[in-house]
Amino acid sequence: MTTLARLSFQIKADQLNPFARDYERQLAPILKRHGLVPATEKGRPTAEGVFSRFFAVDSPAASVDYQQRLGRDATWQQALQHLVGSVSR
């Protein structure tokens, strides 16, 4: 059975499109290097102002492993800070 892992960001509604564009340029390539590719399955709809992407992983434990690896990845951390900082201005 496939587990869906959700990556979510709470973003001001007027910043969702710019954030989505920057996410694809800056964060998606890093996630792909870690083996995380967007899932074809869709999860539940998200609330307004929430940007989400789903990833198919082998198990809930694998989801935790990915989270820990991303937490240790300096490139991910820098890109995340830059991207979140750019939409919070």
C-alpha atoms as a PDB file:
ATOM      1  CA  MET A   1       0.000   0.000   0.000  1.00  0.00           C
ATOM      2  CA  THR A   2       1.321   3.433  -0.940  1.00  0.00           C
ATOM      3  CA  THR A   3       1.513   6.167   1.658  1.00  0.00           C
ATOM      4  CA  LEU A   4       0.962   9.769   0.647  1.00  0.00           C
ATOM      5  CA  ALA A   5       3.214  12.310   2.310  1.00  0.00           C
ATOM      6  CA  ARG A   6       2.077  15.933   2.177  1.00  0.00           C
ATOM      7  CA  LEU A   7       4.365  18.944   2.044  1.00  0.00           C
ATOM      8  CA  SER A   8       2.387  22.093   2.894  1.00  0.00           C
ATOM      9  CA  PHE A   9       3.037  25.793   3.219  1.00  0.00           C
ATOM     10  CA  GLN A  10       0.630  28.397   4.517  1.00  0.00           C
ATOM     11  CA  ILE A  11       0.886  31.311   2.109  1.00  0.00           C
ATOM     12  CA  LYS A  12      -1.074  34.536   1.705  1.00  0.00           C
ATOM     13  CA  ALA A  13      -3.713  33.928  -0.968  1.00  0.00           C
ATOM     14  CA  ASP A  14      -2.306  36.628  -3.260  1.00  0.00           C
ATOM     15  CA  GLN A  15       1.135  34.972  -3.091  1.00  0.00           C
ATOM     16  CA  LEU A  16       0.093  31.422  -4.046  1.00  0.00           C
ATOM     17  CA  ASN A  17       0.871  31.717  -7.779  1.00  0.00           C
ATOM     18  CA  PRO A  18       4.314  33.326  -7.325  1.00  0.00           C
ATOM     19  CA  PHE A  19       5.079  30.784  -4.594  1.00  0.00           C
ATOM     20  CA  ALA A  20       4.038  27.876  -6.842  1.00  0.00           C
ATOM     21  CA  ARG A  21       6.298  29.151  -9.621  1.00  0.00           C
ATOM     22  CA  ASP A  22       9.263  29.578  -7.266  1.00  0.00           C
ATOM     23  CA  TYR A  23       8.572  26.212  -5.615  1.00  0.00           C
ATOM     24  CA  GLU A  24       8.915  24.498  -9.005  1.00  0.00           C
ATOM     25  CA  ARG A  25      12.195  26.281  -9.708  1.00  0.00           C
ATOM     26  CA  GLN A  26      13.835  26.108  -6.299  1.00  0.00           C
ATOM     27  CA  LEU A  27      12.395  23.328  -4.152  1.00  0.00           C
ATOM     28  CA  ALA A  28      11.111  20.679  -6.567  1.00  0.00           C
ATOM     29  CA  PRO A  29      14.610  19.906  -7.960  1.00  0.00           C
ATOM     30  CA  ILE A  30      15.948  19.334  -4.441  1.00  0.00           C
ATOM     31  CA  LEU A  31      13.035  17.062  -3.581  1.00  0.00           C
ATOM     32  CA  LYS A  32      13.642  15.129  -6.787  1.00  0.00           C
ATOM     33  CA  ARG A  33      17.324  14.628  -5.856  1.00  0.00           C
ATOM     34  CA  HIS A  34      16.088  13.038  -2.634  1.00  0.00           C
ATOM     35  CA  GLY A  35      13.858  10.702  -4.638  1.00  0.00           C
ATOM     36  CA  LEU A  36      10.617  12.559  -3.924  1.00  0.00           C
ATOM     37  CA  VAL A  37       8.503  12.981  -7.038  1.00  0.00           C
ATOM     38  CA  PRO A  38       4.940  14.317  -6.946  1.00  0.00           C
ATOM     39  CA  ALA A  39       2.332  11.580  -6.550  1.00  0.00           C
ATOM     40  CA  THR A  40      -0.245  11.009  -9.252  1.00  0.00           C
ATOM     41  CA  GLU A  41      -2.870  10.405  -6.576  1.00  0.00           C
ATOM     42  CA  LYS A  42      -4.545  13.415  -5.058  1.00  0.00           C
ATOM     43  CA  GLY A  43      -5.216  13.936  -1.385  1.00  0.00           C
ATOM     44  CA  ARG A  44      -8.017  15.908   0.155  1.00  0.00           C
ATOM     45  CA  PRO A  45      -8.486  19.507  -0.995  1.00  0.00           C
ATOM     46  CA  THR A  46      -6.518  22.051   0.989  1.00  0.00           C
ATOM     47  CA  ALA A  47      -7.771  25.124   2.776  1.00  0.00           C
ATOM     48  CA  GLU A  48      -7.497  28.538   1.186  1.00  0.00           C
ATOM     49  CA  GLY A  49      -3.982  29.913   1.467  1.00  0.00           C
ATOM     50  CA  VAL A  50      -2.351  26.486   1.708  1.00  0.00           C
ATOM     51  CA  PHE A  51       0.057  25.267  -0.966  1.00  0.00           C
ATOM     52  CA  SER A  52       0.429  21.467  -0.900  1.00  0.00           C
ATOM     53  CA  ARG A  53       2.184  18.755  -2.838  1.00  0.00           C
ATOM     54  CA  PHE A  54       1.796  15.028  -2.285  1.00  0.00           C
ATOM     55  CA  PHE A  55       4.518  12.412  -2.640  1.00  0.00           C
ATOM     56  CA  ALA A  56       4.136   8.641  -2.803  1.00  0.00           C
ATOM     57  CA  VAL A  57       6.380   6.942  -0.253  1.00  0.00           C
ATOM     58  CA  ASP A  58       6.670   3.324   0.825  1.00  0.00           C
ATOM     59  CA  SER A  59       5.455   3.778   4.387  1.00  0.00           C
ATOM     60  CA  PRO A  60       4.856   6.315   7.140  1.00  0.00           C
ATOM     61  CA  ALA A  61       8.370   5.522   8.400  1.00  0.00           C
ATOM     62  CA  ALA A  62       9.787   6.433   4.982  1.00  0.00           C
ATOM     63  CA  SER A  63       8.006   9.768   5.235  1.00  0.00           C
ATOM     64  CA  VAL A  64       9.746  10.461   8.527  1.00  0.00           C
ATOM     65  CA  ASP A  65      13.081   9.437   6.979  1.00  0.00           C
ATOM     66  CA  TYR A  66      12.623  11.917   4.125  1.00  0.00           C
ATOM     67  CA  GLN A  67      11.713  14.642   6.598  1.00  0.00           C
ATOM     68  CA  GLN A  68      14.880  13.990   8.593  1.00  0.00           C
ATOM     69  CA  ARG A  69      17.091  13.902   5.498  1.00  0.00           C
ATOM     70  CA  LEU A  70      15.660  17.203   4.268  1.00  0.00           C
ATOM     71  CA  GLY A  71      16.219  18.667   7.714  1.00  0.00           C
ATOM     72  CA  ARG A  72      19.923  17.838   7.394  1.00  0.00           C
ATOM     73  CA  ASP A  73      20.244  19.093   3.800  1.00  0.00           C
ATOM     74  CA  ALA A  74      21.788  22.578   3.882  1.00  0.00           C
ATOM     75  CA  THR A  75      20.748  23.275   0.290  1.00  0.00           C
ATOM     76  CA  TRP A  76      17.107  22.496   1.138  1.00  0.00           C
ATOM     77  CA  GLN A  77      17.222  24.627   4.272  1.00  0.00           C
ATOM     78  CA  GLN A  78      18.696  27.614   2.415  1.00  0.00           C
ATOM     79  CA  ALA A  79      16.237  27.349  -0.475  1.00  0.00           C
ATOM     80  CA  LEU A  80      13.343  26.983   1.947  1.00  0.00           C
ATOM     81  CA  GLN A  81      14.369  30.045   3.958  1.00  0.00           C
ATOM     82  CA  HIS A  82      14.867  32.090   0.801  1.00  0.00           C
ATOM     83  CA  LEU A  83      11.539  31.076  -0.702  1.00  0.00           C
ATOM     84  CA  VAL A  84       9.489  31.517   2.469  1.00  0.00           C
ATOM     85  CA  GLY A  85      11.244  34.826   3.154  1.00  0.00           C
ATOM     86  CA  SER A  86      10.422  36.118  -0.315  1.00  0.00           C
ATOM     87  CA  VAL A  87       6.670  35.600   0.122  1.00  0.00           C
ATOM     88  CA  SER A  88       6.468  36.908   3.672  1.00  0.00           C
ATOM     89  CA  ARG A  89       7.577  40.402   2.667  1.00  0.00           C
END
